[in-house]
Amino acid sequence: AEIAELDARIAELEAKLPAQRERSDESIRALYKYEYDSSSVLMMLLESKSVTDMLAIVDSYNWIIEYNTSEIQRAIQMESDLRNARQPARLMSAGRPISRSS
């Protein structure tokens, strides 16, 4: 039963991971653009008509950074989960006992 659960988890992660990697790659590109095109953000801030506009720009910028960072972290976590699920599955299929302490 445990092998079946691990196999199901592996299959789920393998199915979802390509799309998450794609989102992560897009997020990396977006973060790169923001990092190296910070002059446009600065110009938007300088051209804002009020403090409220300026705060809205900063909030939007922060949301974009947080979203893209979370997409990258999600891909990293899924890859880690997949590696962790594969290890016990290999041991179990080889007939070795599993040590959960490692």
Protein backbone atom coordinates (compact mmCIF):
# COMPACT_ATOMS: atom_id res chain seq x y z
CA ALA A 1 0.00 0.00 0.00
CA GLU A 2 2.84 2.37 0.85
CA ILE A 3 4.50 1.69 -2.52
CA ALA A 4 1.24 2.48 -4.30
CA GLU A 5 0.94 5.77 -2.41
CA LEU A 6 4.51 6.71 -3.27
CA ASP A 7 3.98 5.76 -6.92
CA ALA A 8 0.83 7.88 -7.03
CA ARG A 9 2.66 10.84 -5.47
CA ILE A 10 5.54 10.46 -7.93
CA ALA A 11 3.12 10.31 -10.87
CA GLU A 12 1.30 13.41 -9.60
CA LEU A 13 4.52 15.39 -9.21
CA GLU A 14 5.85 14.23 -12.58
CA ALA A 15 2.62 15.38 -14.21
CA LYS A 16 2.58 18.80 -12.54
CA LEU A 17 6.29 19.60 -12.57
CA PRO A 18 6.73 20.55 -16.27
CA ALA A 19 4.07 23.28 -16.05
CA GLN A 20 5.52 24.52 -12.76
CA ARG A 21 9.01 24.60 -14.27
CA GLU A 22 7.65 26.68 -17.13
CA ARG A 23 6.03 29.14 -14.70
CA SER A 24 9.26 29.23 -12.73
CA ASP A 25 11.28 29.96 -15.87
CA GLU A 26 8.90 32.78 -16.77
CA SER A 27 9.24 34.14 -13.23
CA ILE A 28 13.02 34.06 -13.44
CA ARG A 29 12.86 36.04 -16.69
CA ALA A 30 10.44 38.55 -15.16
CA LEU A 31 12.62 39.04 -12.08
CA TYR A 32 15.66 39.47 -14.30
CA LYS A 33 13.85 42.15 -16.32
CA TYR A 34 12.79 43.99 -13.18
CA GLU A 35 16.27 43.82 -11.72
CA TYR A 36 17.99 45.12 -14.84
CA ASP A 37 15.28 47.56 -15.89
CA SER A 38 14.82 49.24 -12.55
CA SER A 39 15.11 52.64 -14.24
CA SER A 40 11.57 52.27 -15.63
CA VAL A 41 10.21 51.59 -12.13
CA LEU A 42 12.14 54.58 -10.84
CA MET A 43 10.71 56.72 -13.65
CA MET A 44 7.18 55.59 -12.79
CA LEU A 45 7.77 56.53 -9.17
CA LEU A 46 9.18 59.93 -10.09
CA GLU A 47 6.31 60.61 -12.49
CA SER A 48 3.60 59.63 -10.03
CA LYS A 49 1.15 62.41 -9.33
CA SER A 50 0.61 61.70 -5.66
CA VAL A 51 1.88 59.72 -2.73
CA THR A 52 -1.07 57.37 -3.24
CA ASP A 53 0.02 56.69 -6.83
CA MET A 54 3.57 56.12 -5.64
CA LEU A 55 2.43 53.64 -2.99
CA ALA A 56 0.27 51.82 -5.54
CA ILE A 57 3.30 51.43 -7.81
CA VAL A 58 5.41 50.12 -4.93
CA ASP A 59 2.62 47.70 -3.92
CA SER A 60 2.33 46.42 -7.49
CA TYR A 61 6.09 46.02 -7.77
CA ASN A 62 6.21 44.13 -4.46
CA TRP A 63 3.34 41.86 -5.52
CA ILE A 64 5.10 41.01 -8.78
CA ILE A 65 8.34 40.22 -6.95
CA GLU A 66 6.55 38.08 -4.35
CA TYR A 67 4.50 36.21 -6.96
CA ASN A 68 7.50 35.40 -9.12
CA THR A 69 9.59 34.38 -6.13
CA SER A 70 6.84 32.05 -4.91
CA GLU A 71 6.58 30.40 -8.36
CA ILE A 72 10.32 29.70 -8.30
CA GLN A 73 10.12 28.38 -4.73
CA ARG A 74 7.15 26.18 -5.67
CA ALA A 75 9.16 24.57 -8.50
CA ILE A 76 12.13 23.98 -6.19
CA GLN A 77 9.84 22.42 -3.56
CA MET A 78 8.15 20.15 -6.11
CA GLU A 79 11.53 18.94 -7.39
CA SER A 80 12.63 18.25 -3.83
CA ASP A 81 9.37 16.42 -3.07
CA LEU A 82 9.84 14.31 -6.20
CA ARG A 83 13.41 13.36 -5.23
CA ASN A 84 12.26 12.52 -1.71
CA ALA A 85 9.38 10.38 -2.97
CA ARG A 86 11.58 8.51 -5.43
CA GLN A 87 14.20 7.52 -2.87
CA PRO A 88 11.94 5.39 -0.60
CA ALA A 89 10.16 3.98 -3.65
CA ARG A 90 13.48 2.70 -5.02
CA LEU A 91 14.44 1.20 -1.69
CA MET A 92 11.06 -0.48 -1.26
CA SER A 93 11.07 -1.92 -4.76
CA ALA A 94 14.57 -3.31 -4.07
CA GLY A 95 13.25 -4.96 -0.89
CA ARG A 96 15.35 -2.84 1.43
CA PRO A 97 13.96 -1.52 4.71
CA ILE A 98 13.31 2.22 4.82
CA SER A 99 14.85 4.36 7.50
CA ARG A 100 12.77 7.51 7.99
CA SER A 101 15.44 9.13 10.18
CA SER A 102 17.69 10.12 7.26
